[in-house]
Amino acid sequence: MTRYLLKRLGGALLVLLVLSVAIYALFYLAPGDPARLACGERCSTAQVDQVRERLGLGEPVLTQYAHFLQGIFVGRDYSTGTALLHCDAPCLGFSYKTDQQVTQLILDRAPATLSLAVGAMAVWLVVGVGTGLLSALRRGGITERVLTVITLAATGTPVFILGLLLLMLVCAYLRWLPFPSYVPLTDDPEQWAWNMLLPWLTLGFFESAKYARLTRSSTLETLAEDHIRTFRAYGVGERAIVGRHALRGALPPVIALNANDFGTVMGGAVLTETLFGIPGIGKTLVDAVRVVDLPVVVGVVLVTGTVVVLANVVADLLYAAADRRVALR
């Protein structure tokens, strides 16, 4: 298992390095002048040249990328023209529009996104895996048909439509809850939970359809294997077969999908955060794209990619724990 872990971590580091090169090249070497974007359209040529010098954009490309990596691992200094401004590691630069450190900006928004991701993950795992398992066990019956229709409907419904329907039904028509307004967990845990309930249900129900279909197909495939028939021939109860063997065999693909979805949501569930006014990473990315704030865009995309890669490493470890044969390959 240790060898497998080291192998996966080495692969993750390589992927992250390639990802950083691709992101840096895409945003900083694409057509356009980052110095002009940082300074603004009304800046004179002399002012743009000063900004270019302050950001180090006049240096060779490889030197710029080396300084970019240096900032991430050990920090770096930025020249203001009259003094040096130090940016502690992990440094992703400063926002063009607010002059705030991008790392701090992301850290300020991360708790809201983490709240959304964890709660939604709990919903999509409970609803999706439970629905898929029940559908597999009731194969051919009315229960499976009803669940299949619901799953297909959830798959084809955009997340913002589902969110609007929940807002109209729960808040406007039934008036069970007030319209959500994000409250930090540290300020008021009870209000935080009530205001996050609809975002959790919206994103969780939307994603649960995939898990229901995947769990159903994986469970049916596992139940058709030879060792399951052997257990039945020896008189092992159906509940024990499903709980100890069939479900365990169906979990690895669910684990892999969950890791990817969790990483993606942590990178910013843009539509859900925008719809419910959650000040998370996704909304920050939308705002940065709107004003072409390159350091913030690059920082958010890089953090998103990093979270997805690390989540997949964790998924691989859980996959190996569920199936020891994986670690021996």
C-alpha atoms as a PDB file:
ATOM      1  CA  MET A   1       0.000   0.000   0.000  1.00  0.00           C
ATOM      2  CA  THR A   2       2.903   2.378   0.772  1.00  0.00           C
ATOM      3  CA  ARG A   3       4.391   1.781  -2.651  1.00  0.00           C
ATOM      4  CA  TYR A   4       1.019   2.403  -4.245  1.00  0.00           C
ATOM      5  CA  LEU A   5       0.603   5.628  -2.249  1.00  0.00           C
ATOM      6  CA  LEU A   6       4.029   6.936  -3.304  1.00  0.00           C
ATOM      7  CA  LYS A   7       3.292   6.064  -6.909  1.00  0.00           C
ATOM      8  CA  ARG A   8       0.001   7.939  -6.845  1.00  0.00           C
ATOM      9  CA  LEU A   9       1.534  10.980  -5.133  1.00  0.00           C
ATOM     10  CA  GLY A  10       4.329  11.074  -7.726  1.00  0.00           C
ATOM     11  CA  GLY A  11       1.785  10.956 -10.522  1.00  0.00           C
ATOM     12  CA  ALA A  12      -0.258  13.704  -8.854  1.00  0.00           C
ATOM     13  CA  LEU A  13       2.791  15.995  -8.588  1.00  0.00           C
ATOM     14  CA  LEU A  14       3.541  15.474 -12.274  1.00  0.00           C
ATOM     15  CA  VAL A  15      -0.048  16.262 -13.217  1.00  0.00           C
ATOM     16  CA  LEU A  16       0.010  19.412 -11.082  1.00  0.00           C
ATOM     17  CA  LEU A  17       3.243  20.568 -12.739  1.00  0.00           C
ATOM     18  CA  VAL A  18       1.790  20.082 -16.221  1.00  0.00           C
ATOM     19  CA  LEU A  19      -1.403  21.801 -15.070  1.00  0.00           C
ATOM     20  CA  SER A  20       0.508  24.837 -13.795  1.00  0.00           C
ATOM     21  CA  VAL A  21       2.377  25.155 -17.101  1.00  0.00           C
ATOM     22  CA  ALA A  22      -0.839  24.912 -19.109  1.00  0.00           C
ATOM     23  CA  ILE A  23      -2.721  27.437 -16.951  1.00  0.00           C
ATOM     24  CA  TYR A  24       0.136  29.937 -16.923  1.00  0.00           C
ATOM     25  CA  ALA A  25       0.623  29.689 -20.684  1.00  0.00           C
ATOM     26  CA  LEU A  26      -3.107  29.914 -21.381  1.00  0.00           C
ATOM     27  CA  PHE A  27      -3.694  33.101 -19.406  1.00  0.00           C
ATOM     28  CA  TYR A  28      -0.393  34.973 -19.472  1.00  0.00           C
ATOM     29  CA  LEU A  29       0.952  34.052 -22.911  1.00  0.00           C
ATOM     30  CA  ALA A  30      -2.334  34.324 -24.777  1.00  0.00           C
ATOM     31  CA  PRO A  31      -2.967  37.308 -27.070  1.00  0.00           C
ATOM     32  CA  GLY A  32      -3.463  40.472 -25.045  1.00  0.00           C
ATOM     33  CA  ASP A  33      -1.371  42.552 -22.678  1.00  0.00           C
ATOM     34  CA  PRO A  34      -1.647  41.595 -18.980  1.00  0.00           C
ATOM     35  CA  ALA A  35      -0.010  44.896 -18.040  1.00  0.00           C
ATOM     36  CA  ARG A  36      -2.698  46.824 -19.897  1.00  0.00           C
ATOM     37  CA  LEU A  37      -5.395  44.743 -18.191  1.00  0.00           C
ATOM     38  CA  ALA A  38      -3.874  45.388 -14.775  1.00  0.00           C
ATOM     39  CA  CYS A  39      -3.470  49.096 -15.342  1.00  0.00           C
ATOM     40  CA  GLY A  40      -6.737  49.810 -17.138  1.00  0.00           C
ATOM     41  CA  GLU A  41      -7.704  51.186 -20.522  1.00  0.00           C
ATOM     42  CA  ARG A  42      -7.161  54.813 -19.508  1.00  0.00           C
ATOM     43  CA  CYS A  43      -3.508  54.352 -18.548  1.00  0.00           C
ATOM     44  CA  SER A  44      -0.842  55.966 -20.660  1.00  0.00           C
ATOM     45  CA  THR A  45       1.938  53.979 -22.300  1.00  0.00           C
ATOM     46  CA  ALA A  46       4.373  55.069 -19.595  1.00  0.00           C
ATOM     47  CA  GLN A  47       2.015  53.887 -16.863  1.00  0.00           C
ATOM     48  CA  VAL A  48       1.525  50.536 -18.581  1.00  0.00           C
ATOM     49  CA  ASP A  49       5.316  50.138 -18.826  1.00  0.00           C
ATOM     50  CA  GLN A  50       5.610  50.793 -15.083  1.00  0.00           C
ATOM     51  CA  VAL A  51       2.998  48.142 -14.336  1.00  0.00           C
ATOM     52  CA  ARG A  52       4.761  45.713 -16.671  1.00  0.00           C
ATOM     53  CA  GLU A  53       8.019  46.267 -14.805  1.00  0.00           C
ATOM     54  CA  ARG A  54       6.325  45.900 -11.417  1.00  0.00           C
ATOM     55  CA  LEU A  55       4.763  42.580 -12.423  1.00  0.00           C
ATOM     56  CA  GLY A  56       7.945  41.307 -14.040  1.00  0.00           C
ATOM     57  CA  LEU A  57       6.230  40.858 -17.394  1.00  0.00           C
ATOM     58  CA  GLY A  58       9.220  42.213 -19.310  1.00  0.00           C
ATOM     59  CA  GLU A  59      11.372  39.227 -18.356  1.00  0.00           C
ATOM     60  CA  PRO A  60      11.804  36.083 -20.496  1.00  0.00           C
ATOM     61  CA  VAL A  61       8.895  33.651 -20.420  1.00  0.00           C
ATOM     62  CA  LEU A  62      10.793  30.914 -18.569  1.00  0.00           C
ATOM     63  CA  THR A  63      11.946  33.418 -15.961  1.00  0.00           C
ATOM     64  CA  GLN A  64       8.371  34.607 -15.449  1.00  0.00           C
ATOM     65  CA  TYR A  65       7.180  31.018 -14.962  1.00  0.00           C
ATOM     66  CA  ALA A  66      10.065  30.288 -12.578  1.00  0.00           C
ATOM     67  CA  HIS A  67       9.052  33.308 -10.476  1.00  0.00           C
ATOM     68  CA  PHE A  68       5.452  32.069 -10.588  1.00  0.00           C
ATOM     69  CA  LEU A  69       6.532  28.697  -9.128  1.00  0.00           C
ATOM     70  CA  GLN A  70       8.818  30.449  -6.656  1.00  0.00           C
ATOM     71  CA  GLY A  71       5.868  32.423  -5.338  1.00  0.00           C
ATOM     72  CA  ILE A  72       3.850  29.253  -4.815  1.00  0.00           C
ATOM     73  CA  PHE A  73       6.546  27.394  -2.879  1.00  0.00           C
ATOM     74  CA  VAL A  74       8.640  30.041  -1.085  1.00  0.00           C
ATOM     75  CA  GLY A  75       6.972  33.393  -1.785  1.00  0.00           C
ATOM     76  CA  ARG A  76       8.234  36.282  -3.886  1.00  0.00           C
ATOM     77  CA  ASP A  77       8.710  40.043  -3.944  1.00  0.00           C
ATOM     78  CA  TYR A  78       6.879  42.521  -6.159  1.00  0.00           C
ATOM     79  CA  SER A  79       8.326  45.930  -6.971  1.00  0.00           C
ATOM     80  CA  THR A  80       6.028  48.912  -6.500  1.00  0.00           C
ATOM     81  CA  GLY A  81       8.551  51.258  -8.137  1.00  0.00           C
ATOM     82  CA  THR A  82       9.766  52.678  -4.836  1.00  0.00           C
ATOM     83  CA  ALA A  83       9.722  49.612  -2.560  1.00  0.00           C
ATOM     84  CA  LEU A  84       9.417  45.843  -2.516  1.00  0.00           C
ATOM     85  CA  LEU A  85       6.122  44.224  -1.580  1.00  0.00           C
ATOM     86  CA  HIS A  86       6.540  40.698  -0.223  1.00  0.00           C
ATOM     87  CA  CYS A  87       3.964  37.984  -0.908  1.00  0.00           C
ATOM     88  CA  ASP A  88       4.178  34.959   1.380  1.00  0.00           C
ATOM     89  CA  ALA A  89       3.940  31.410   0.046  1.00  0.00           C
ATOM     90  CA  PRO A  90       1.773  30.088  -1.405  1.00  0.00           C
ATOM     91  CA  CYS A  91       1.683  33.284  -3.433  1.00  0.00           C
ATOM     92  CA  LEU A  92      -0.603  33.469  -6.467  1.00  0.00           C
ATOM     93  CA  GLY A  93      -0.072  37.165  -7.017  1.00  0.00           C
ATOM     94  CA  PHE A  94      -2.232  40.195  -6.316  1.00  0.00           C
ATOM     95  CA  SER A  95      -5.640  41.027  -7.705  1.00  0.00           C
ATOM     96  CA  TYR A  96      -5.508  43.633 -10.462  1.00  0.00           C
ATOM     97  CA  LYS A  97      -8.668  45.300  -9.170  1.00  0.00           C
ATOM     98  CA  THR A  98      -8.369  45.174  -5.363  1.00  0.00           C
ATOM     99  CA  ASP A  99      -4.609  44.676  -4.815  1.00  0.00           C
ATOM    100  CA  GLN A 100      -5.533  41.888  -2.372  1.00  0.00           C
ATOM    101  CA  GLN A 101      -3.445  38.713  -2.298  1.00  0.00           C
ATOM    102  CA  VAL A 102      -5.166  36.078  -4.435  1.00  0.00           C
ATOM    103  CA  THR A 103      -4.371  33.348  -1.918  1.00  0.00           C
ATOM    104  CA  GLN A 104      -6.065  35.275   0.874  1.00  0.00           C
ATOM    105  CA  LEU A 105      -9.014  36.047  -1.376  1.00  0.00           C
ATOM    106  CA  ILE A 106      -9.509  32.339  -2.092  1.00  0.00           C
ATOM    107  CA  LEU A 107      -9.077  31.403   1.570  1.00  0.00           C
ATOM    108  CA  ASP A 108     -11.747  33.940   2.527  1.00  0.00           C
ATOM    109  CA  ARG A 109     -14.194  32.357   0.060  1.00  0.00           C
ATOM    110  CA  ALA A 110     -13.256  28.712   0.682  1.00  0.00           C
ATOM    111  CA  PRO A 111     -15.386  28.145   3.857  1.00  0.00           C
ATOM    112  CA  ALA A 112     -18.602  28.974   1.981  1.00  0.00           C
ATOM    113  CA  THR A 113     -17.726  26.630  -0.869  1.00  0.00           C
ATOM    114  CA  LEU A 114     -16.594  23.914   1.547  1.00  0.00           C
ATOM    115  CA  SER A 115     -19.931  24.206   3.370  1.00  0.00           C
ATOM    116  CA  LEU A 116     -21.781  23.758   0.096  1.00  0.00           C
ATOM    117  CA  ALA A 117     -19.590  20.873  -1.087  1.00  0.00           C
ATOM    118  CA  VAL A 118     -19.750  18.798   2.115  1.00  0.00           C
ATOM    119  CA  GLY A 119     -23.505  19.190   2.572  1.00  0.00           C
ATOM    120  CA  ALA A 120     -24.291  18.487  -1.084  1.00  0.00           C
ATOM    121  CA  MET A 121     -21.988  15.454  -1.059  1.00  0.00           C
ATOM    122  CA  ALA A 122     -23.890  14.003   1.898  1.00  0.00           C
ATOM    123  CA  VAL A 123     -27.174  14.483   0.004  1.00  0.00           C
ATOM    124  CA  TRP A 124     -26.019  13.003  -3.302  1.00  0.00           C
ATOM    125  CA  LEU A 125     -24.398   9.977  -1.617  1.00  0.00           C
ATOM    126  CA  VAL A 126     -27.377   9.159   0.623  1.00  0.00           C
ATOM    127  CA  VAL A 127     -30.026   9.793  -2.032  1.00  0.00           C
ATOM    128  CA  GLY A 128     -28.053   8.530  -5.026  1.00  0.00           C
ATOM    129  CA  VAL A 129     -26.544   5.363  -3.549  1.00  0.00           C
ATOM    130  CA  GLY A 130     -29.738   4.539  -1.635  1.00  0.00           C
ATOM    131  CA  THR A 131     -31.930   5.012  -4.707  1.00  0.00           C
ATOM    132  CA  GLY A 132     -29.578   3.026  -6.928  1.00  0.00           C
ATOM    133  CA  LEU A 133     -29.360   0.161  -4.460  1.00  0.00           C
ATOM    134  CA  LEU A 134     -33.133   0.018  -3.978  1.00  0.00           C
ATOM    135  CA  SER A 135     -33.671   0.135  -7.727  1.00  0.00           C
ATOM    136  CA  ALA A 136     -31.284  -2.797  -8.231  1.00  0.00           C
ATOM    137  CA  LEU A 137     -32.943  -4.889  -5.522  1.00  0.00           C
ATOM    138  CA  ARG A 138     -36.433  -4.181  -6.939  1.00  0.00           C
ATOM    139  CA  ARG A 139     -35.415  -4.862 -10.520  1.00  0.00           C
ATOM    140  CA  GLY A 140     -38.374  -5.303 -12.832  1.00  0.00           C
ATOM    141  CA  GLY A 141     -40.914  -3.978 -10.333  1.00  0.00           C
ATOM    142  CA  ILE A 142     -42.913  -0.793 -10.115  1.00  0.00           C
ATOM    143  CA  THR A 143     -40.426   0.647  -7.611  1.00  0.00           C
ATOM    144  CA  GLU A 144     -37.580   0.405 -10.101  1.00  0.00           C
ATOM    145  CA  ARG A 145     -39.655   2.012 -12.846  1.00  0.00           C
ATOM    146  CA  VAL A 146     -40.662   4.955 -10.671  1.00  0.00           C
ATOM    147  CA  LEU A 147     -37.089   5.481  -9.490  1.00  0.00           C
ATOM    148  CA  THR A 148     -35.794   5.255 -13.073  1.00  0.00           C
ATOM    149  CA  VAL A 149     -38.230   7.972 -14.215  1.00  0.00           C
ATOM    150  CA  ILE A 150     -37.236  10.209 -11.299  1.00  0.00           C
ATOM    151  CA  THR A 151     -33.543   9.617 -12.026  1.00  0.00           C
ATOM    152  CA  LEU A 152     -33.917  10.477 -15.705  1.00  0.00           C
ATOM    153  CA  ALA A 153     -35.908  13.601 -14.864  1.00  0.00           C
ATOM    154  CA  ALA A 154     -33.252  14.744 -12.381  1.00  0.00           C
ATOM    155  CA  THR A 155     -30.498  14.101 -14.915  1.00  0.00           C
ATOM    156  CA  GLY A 156     -32.203  16.250 -17.554  1.00  0.00           C
ATOM    157  CA  THR A 157     -33.113  19.157 -15.260  1.00  0.00           C
ATOM    158  CA  PRO A 158     -30.529  21.987 -15.152  1.00  0.00           C
ATOM    159  CA  VAL A 159     -29.359  22.817 -11.652  1.00  0.00           C
ATOM    160  CA  PHE A 160     -30.586  26.421 -11.814  1.00  0.00           C
ATOM    161  CA  ILE A 161     -34.092  25.257 -12.818  1.00  0.00           C
ATOM    162  CA  LEU A 162     -34.133  22.827  -9.900  1.00  0.00           C
ATOM    163  CA  GLY A 163     -32.950  25.584  -7.570  1.00  0.00           C
ATOM    164  CA  LEU A 164     -35.606  28.008  -8.775  1.00  0.00           C
ATOM    165  CA  LEU A 165     -38.329  25.386  -8.352  1.00  0.00           C
ATOM    166  CA  LEU A 166     -37.223  24.714  -4.774  1.00  0.00           C
ATOM    167  CA  LEU A 167     -37.121  28.440  -4.010  1.00  0.00           C
ATOM    168  CA  MET A 168     -40.601  28.964  -5.414  1.00  0.00           C
ATOM    169  CA  LEU A 169     -42.065  25.911  -3.685  1.00  0.00           C
ATOM    170  CA  VAL A 170     -40.376  26.027  -0.271  1.00  0.00           C
ATOM    171  CA  CYS A 171     -39.890  29.782   0.184  1.00  0.00           C
ATOM    172  CA  ALA A 172     -42.580  31.486  -1.890  1.00  0.00           C
ATOM    173  CA  TYR A 173     -45.522  29.050  -1.954  1.00  0.00           C
ATOM    174  CA  LEU A 174     -45.279  26.885   1.189  1.00  0.00           C
ATOM    175  CA  ARG A 175     -43.242  29.457   3.147  1.00  0.00           C
ATOM    176  CA  TRP A 176     -41.463  26.779   5.132  1.00  0.00           C
ATOM    177  CA  LEU A 177     -38.191  28.686   4.946  1.00  0.00           C
ATOM    178  CA  PRO A 178     -37.191  32.298   4.287  1.00  0.00           C
ATOM    179  CA  PHE A 179     -35.213  33.004   1.144  1.00  0.00           C
ATOM    180  CA  PRO A 180     -31.608  31.903   1.795  1.00  0.00           C
ATOM    181  CA  SER A 181     -29.014  34.459   2.855  1.00  0.00           C
ATOM    182  CA  TYR A 182     -25.580  33.060   3.594  1.00  0.00           C
ATOM    183  CA  VAL A 183     -24.503  33.194   7.245  1.00  0.00           C
ATOM    184  CA  PRO A 184     -20.991  31.953   8.191  1.00  0.00           C
ATOM    185  CA  LEU A 185     -20.869  28.858  10.358  1.00  0.00           C
ATOM    186  CA  THR A 186     -18.780  30.661  12.969  1.00  0.00           C
ATOM    187  CA  ASP A 187     -21.392  33.423  13.340  1.00  0.00           C
ATOM    188  CA  ASP A 188     -24.507  31.326  13.869  1.00  0.00           C
ATOM    189  CA  PRO A 189     -24.397  27.528  13.237  1.00  0.00           C
ATOM    190  CA  GLU A 190     -28.179  27.139  13.289  1.00  0.00           C
ATOM    191  CA  GLN A 191     -28.832  29.928  10.773  1.00  0.00           C
ATOM    192  CA  TRP A 192     -25.929  28.671   8.680  1.00  0.00           C
ATOM    193  CA  ALA A 193     -27.551  25.233   8.413  1.00  0.00           C
ATOM    194  CA  TRP A 194     -31.050  26.559   7.616  1.00  0.00           C
ATOM    195  CA  ASN A 195     -29.733  28.926   4.942  1.00  0.00           C
ATOM    196  CA  MET A 196     -27.572  26.210   3.364  1.00  0.00           C
ATOM    197  CA  LEU A 197     -30.375  23.631   3.285  1.00  0.00           C
ATOM    198  CA  LEU A 198     -31.816  24.585  -0.114  1.00  0.00           C
ATOM    199  CA  PRO A 199     -28.386  24.902  -1.807  1.00  0.00           C
ATOM    200  CA  TRP A 200     -27.484  21.460  -0.423  1.00  0.00           C
ATOM    201  CA  LEU A 201     -30.701  19.920  -1.690  1.00  0.00           C
ATOM    202  CA  THR A 202     -30.435  21.635  -5.077  1.00  0.00           C
ATOM    203  CA  LEU A 203     -26.894  20.526  -5.840  1.00  0.00           C
ATOM    204  CA  GLY A 204     -27.280  17.183  -4.047  1.00  0.00           C
ATOM    205  CA  PHE A 205     -30.453  16.167  -5.915  1.00  0.00           C
ATOM    206  CA  PHE A 206     -28.951  17.274  -9.212  1.00  0.00           C
ATOM    207  CA  GLU A 207     -25.807  15.154  -8.724  1.00  0.00           C
ATOM    208  CA  SER A 208     -27.571  12.188  -7.080  1.00  0.00           C
ATOM    209  CA  ALA A 209     -29.042  11.028 -10.396  1.00  0.00           C
ATOM    210  CA  LYS A 210     -25.596   9.980 -11.622  1.00  0.00           C
ATOM    211  CA  TYR A 211     -24.925   8.040  -8.434  1.00  0.00           C
ATOM    212  CA  ALA A 212     -28.266   6.272  -8.610  1.00  0.00           C
ATOM    213  CA  ARG A 213     -27.634   5.057 -12.131  1.00  0.00           C
ATOM    214  CA  LEU A 214     -24.033   4.083 -11.405  1.00  0.00           C
ATOM    215  CA  THR A 215     -24.909   2.273  -8.161  1.00  0.00           C
ATOM    216  CA  ARG A 216     -27.742   0.401  -9.838  1.00  0.00           C
ATOM    217  CA  SER A 217     -25.625  -0.828 -12.748  1.00  0.00           C
ATOM    218  CA  SER A 218     -22.639  -1.715 -10.531  1.00  0.00           C
ATOM    219  CA  THR A 219     -24.826  -3.593  -8.032  1.00  0.00           C
ATOM    220  CA  LEU A 220     -26.573  -5.581 -10.760  1.00  0.00           C
ATOM    221  CA  GLU A 221     -23.208  -6.427 -12.312  1.00  0.00           C
ATOM    222  CA  THR A 222     -21.850  -7.588  -8.945  1.00  0.00           C
ATOM    223  CA  LEU A 223     -24.963  -9.640  -8.137  1.00  0.00           C
ATOM    224  CA  ALA A 224     -24.522 -11.517 -11.418  1.00  0.00           C
ATOM    225  CA  GLU A 225     -20.980 -12.692 -10.590  1.00  0.00           C
ATOM    226  CA  ASP A 226     -20.158 -16.300  -9.803  1.00  0.00           C
ATOM    227  CA  HIS A 227     -19.179 -15.821  -6.168  1.00  0.00           C
ATOM    228  CA  ILE A 228     -22.572 -14.262  -5.397  1.00  0.00           C
ATOM    229  CA  ARG A 229     -24.328 -17.321  -6.820  1.00  0.00           C
ATOM    230  CA  THR A 230     -22.035 -19.468  -4.679  1.00  0.00           C
ATOM    231  CA  PHE A 231     -23.034 -17.576  -1.546  1.00  0.00           C
ATOM    232  CA  ARG A 232     -26.688 -18.089  -2.390  1.00  0.00           C
ATOM    233  CA  ALA A 233     -26.137 -21.789  -2.991  1.00  0.00           C
ATOM    234  CA  TYR A 234     -24.637 -22.068   0.502  1.00  0.00           C
ATOM    235  CA  GLY A 235     -27.730 -20.436   1.976  1.00  0.00           C
ATOM    236  CA  VAL A 236     -26.296 -16.992   2.801  1.00  0.00           C
ATOM    237  CA  GLY A 237     -29.108 -14.513   3.374  1.00  0.00           C
ATOM    238  CA  GLU A 238     -29.896 -11.894   0.734  1.00  0.00           C
ATOM    239  CA  ARG A 239     -29.342  -9.035   3.167  1.00  0.00           C
ATOM    240  CA  ALA A 240     -25.842 -10.303   3.993  1.00  0.00           C
ATOM    241  CA  ILE A 241     -25.042 -10.809   0.321  1.00  0.00           C
ATOM    242  CA  VAL A 242     -26.077  -7.283  -0.578  1.00  0.00           C
ATOM    243  CA  GLY A 243     -24.563  -5.545   2.466  1.00  0.00           C
ATOM    244  CA  ARG A 244     -21.250  -7.390   2.681  1.00  0.00           C
ATOM    245  CA  HIS A 245     -20.488  -8.299  -0.899  1.00  0.00           C
ATOM    246  CA  ALA A 246     -22.630  -6.692  -3.602  1.00  0.00           C
ATOM    247  CA  LEU A 247     -22.525  -3.169  -2.180  1.00  0.00           C
ATOM    248  CA  ARG A 248     -18.797  -3.390  -1.489  1.00  0.00           C
ATOM    249  CA  GLY A 249     -18.190  -4.445  -5.080  1.00  0.00           C
ATOM    250  CA  ALA A 250     -20.325  -1.567  -6.341  1.00  0.00           C
ATOM    251  CA  LEU A 251     -18.584   1.112  -4.261  1.00  0.00           C
ATOM    252  CA  PRO A 252     -15.246   1.604  -6.149  1.00  0.00           C
ATOM    253  CA  PRO A 253     -16.766   3.412  -9.177  1.00  0.00           C
ATOM    254  CA  VAL A 254     -18.940   5.474  -6.813  1.00  0.00           C
ATOM    255  CA  ILE A 255     -15.828   6.471  -4.842  1.00  0.00           C
ATOM    256  CA  ALA A 256     -14.037   7.574  -8.011  1.00  0.00           C
ATOM    257  CA  LEU A 257     -17.015   9.630  -9.226  1.00  0.00           C
ATOM    258  CA  ASN A 258     -17.519  11.190  -5.793  1.00  0.00           C
ATOM    259  CA  ALA A 259     -13.889  12.344  -5.622  1.00  0.00           C
ATOM    260  CA  ASN A 260     -14.130  14.043  -9.004  1.00  0.00           C
ATOM    261  CA  ASP A 261     -17.460  15.711  -8.185  1.00  0.00           C
ATOM    262  CA  PHE A 262     -16.305  16.892  -4.765  1.00  0.00           C
ATOM    263  CA  GLY A 263     -13.169  18.403  -6.272  1.00  0.00           C
ATOM    264  CA  THR A 264     -15.209  20.109  -8.973  1.00  0.00           C
ATOM    265  CA  VAL A 265     -17.680  21.569  -6.461  1.00  0.00           C
ATOM    266  CA  MET A 266     -14.807  22.777  -4.284  1.00  0.00           C
ATOM    267  CA  GLY A 267     -13.484  24.549  -7.345  1.00  0.00           C
ATOM    268  CA  GLY A 268     -16.728  26.447  -7.497  1.00  0.00           C
ATOM    269  CA  ALA A 269     -20.320  25.432  -8.077  1.00  0.00           C
ATOM    270  CA  VAL A 270     -20.860  28.575 -10.109  1.00  0.00           C
ATOM    271  CA  LEU A 271     -24.581  28.298 -10.845  1.00  0.00           C
ATOM    272  CA  THR A 272     -25.571  27.189  -7.342  1.00  0.00           C
ATOM    273  CA  GLU A 273     -23.458  29.852  -5.623  1.00  0.00           C
ATOM    274  CA  THR A 274     -24.748  32.576  -7.930  1.00  0.00           C
ATOM    275  CA  LEU A 275     -28.390  31.495  -7.596  1.00  0.00           C
ATOM    276  CA  PHE A 276     -28.329  31.446  -3.784  1.00  0.00           C
ATOM    277  CA  GLY A 277     -25.903  34.351  -3.295  1.00  0.00           C
ATOM    278  CA  ILE A 278     -23.222  32.215  -1.642  1.00  0.00           C
ATOM    279  CA  PRO A 279     -19.903  34.157  -1.519  1.00  0.00           C
ATOM    280  CA  GLY A 280     -17.830  31.159  -2.557  1.00  0.00           C
ATOM    281  CA  ILE A 281     -15.009  30.400  -4.960  1.00  0.00           C
ATOM    282  CA  GLY A 282     -17.326  29.952  -7.939  1.00  0.00           C
ATOM    283  CA  LYS A 283     -18.878  33.387  -7.540  1.00  0.00           C
ATOM    284  CA  THR A 284     -15.383  34.851  -7.092  1.00  0.00           C
ATOM    285  CA  LEU A 285     -14.333  33.286 -10.391  1.00  0.00           C
ATOM    286  CA  VAL A 286     -17.357  34.725 -12.200  1.00  0.00           C
ATOM    287  CA  ASP A 287     -16.654  38.199 -10.820  1.00  0.00           C
ATOM    288  CA  ALA A 288     -12.965  37.939 -11.790  1.00  0.00           C
ATOM    289  CA  VAL A 289     -13.784  36.843 -15.337  1.00  0.00           C
ATOM    290  CA  ARG A 290     -16.235  39.727 -15.683  1.00  0.00           C
ATOM    291  CA  VAL A 291     -13.511  42.329 -14.957  1.00  0.00           C
ATOM    292  CA  VAL A 292     -10.655  40.295 -16.537  1.00  0.00           C
ATOM    293  CA  ASP A 293      -8.762  39.984 -13.237  1.00  0.00           C
ATOM    294  CA  LEU A 294      -6.150  37.503 -14.499  1.00  0.00           C
ATOM    295  CA  PRO A 295      -4.334  36.646 -11.220  1.00  0.00           C
ATOM    296  CA  VAL A 296      -7.631  35.759  -9.543  1.00  0.00           C
ATOM    297  CA  VAL A 297      -8.762  33.678 -12.530  1.00  0.00           C
ATOM    298  CA  VAL A 298      -5.429  31.844 -12.678  1.00  0.00           C
ATOM    299  CA  GLY A 299      -5.411  31.299  -8.912  1.00  0.00           C
ATOM    300  CA  VAL A 300      -8.946  29.906  -8.783  1.00  0.00           C
ATOM    301  CA  VAL A 301      -8.403  27.622 -11.790  1.00  0.00           C
ATOM    302  CA  LEU A 302      -5.115  26.349 -10.345  1.00  0.00           C
ATOM    303  CA  VAL A 303      -6.667  25.716  -6.922  1.00  0.00           C
ATOM    304  CA  THR A 304      -9.604  23.959  -8.583  1.00  0.00           C
ATOM    305  CA  GLY A 305      -7.290  21.679 -10.524  1.00  0.00           C
ATOM    306  CA  THR A 306      -5.231  20.955  -7.415  1.00  0.00           C
ATOM    307  CA  VAL A 307      -8.304  20.016  -5.385  1.00  0.00           C
ATOM    308  CA  VAL A 308      -9.551  17.704  -8.156  1.00  0.00           C
ATOM    309  CA  VAL A 309      -6.156  15.978  -8.430  1.00  0.00           C
ATOM    310  CA  LEU A 310      -5.824  15.520  -4.659  1.00  0.00           C
ATOM    311  CA  ALA A 311      -9.411  14.296  -4.384  1.00  0.00           C
ATOM    312  CA  ASN A 312      -8.665  11.674  -7.021  1.00  0.00           C
ATOM    313  CA  VAL A 313      -5.576  10.559  -5.087  1.00  0.00           C
ATOM    314  CA  VAL A 314      -7.757  10.063  -2.013  1.00  0.00           C
ATOM    315  CA  ALA A 315     -10.277   8.200  -4.182  1.00  0.00           C
ATOM    316  CA  ASP A 316      -7.536   5.902  -5.473  1.00  0.00           C
ATOM    317  CA  LEU A 317      -6.517   5.095  -1.891  1.00  0.00           C
ATOM    318  CA  LEU A 318     -10.120   4.353  -0.910  1.00  0.00           C
ATOM    319  CA  TYR A 319     -10.475   2.302  -4.083  1.00  0.00           C
ATOM    320  CA  ALA A 320      -7.416   0.285  -3.105  1.00  0.00           C
ATOM    321  CA  ALA A 321      -8.757  -0.179   0.417  1.00  0.00           C
ATOM    322  CA  ALA A 322     -12.039  -1.505  -1.000  1.00  0.00           C
ATOM    323  CA  ASP A 323     -10.233  -3.767  -3.482  1.00  0.00           C
ATOM    324  CA  ARG A 324      -6.729  -4.837  -2.433  1.00  0.00           C
ATOM    325  CA  ARG A 325      -5.985  -6.110  -5.916  1.00  0.00           C
ATOM    326  CA  VAL A 326      -5.710  -2.505  -7.130  1.00  0.00           C
ATOM    327  CA  ALA A 327      -2.701  -1.791  -4.910  1.00  0.00           C
ATOM    328  CA  LEU A 328      -0.882  -4.852  -6.247  1.00  0.00           C
ATOM    329  CA  ARG A 329      -1.010  -3.779  -9.888  1.00  0.00           C
END
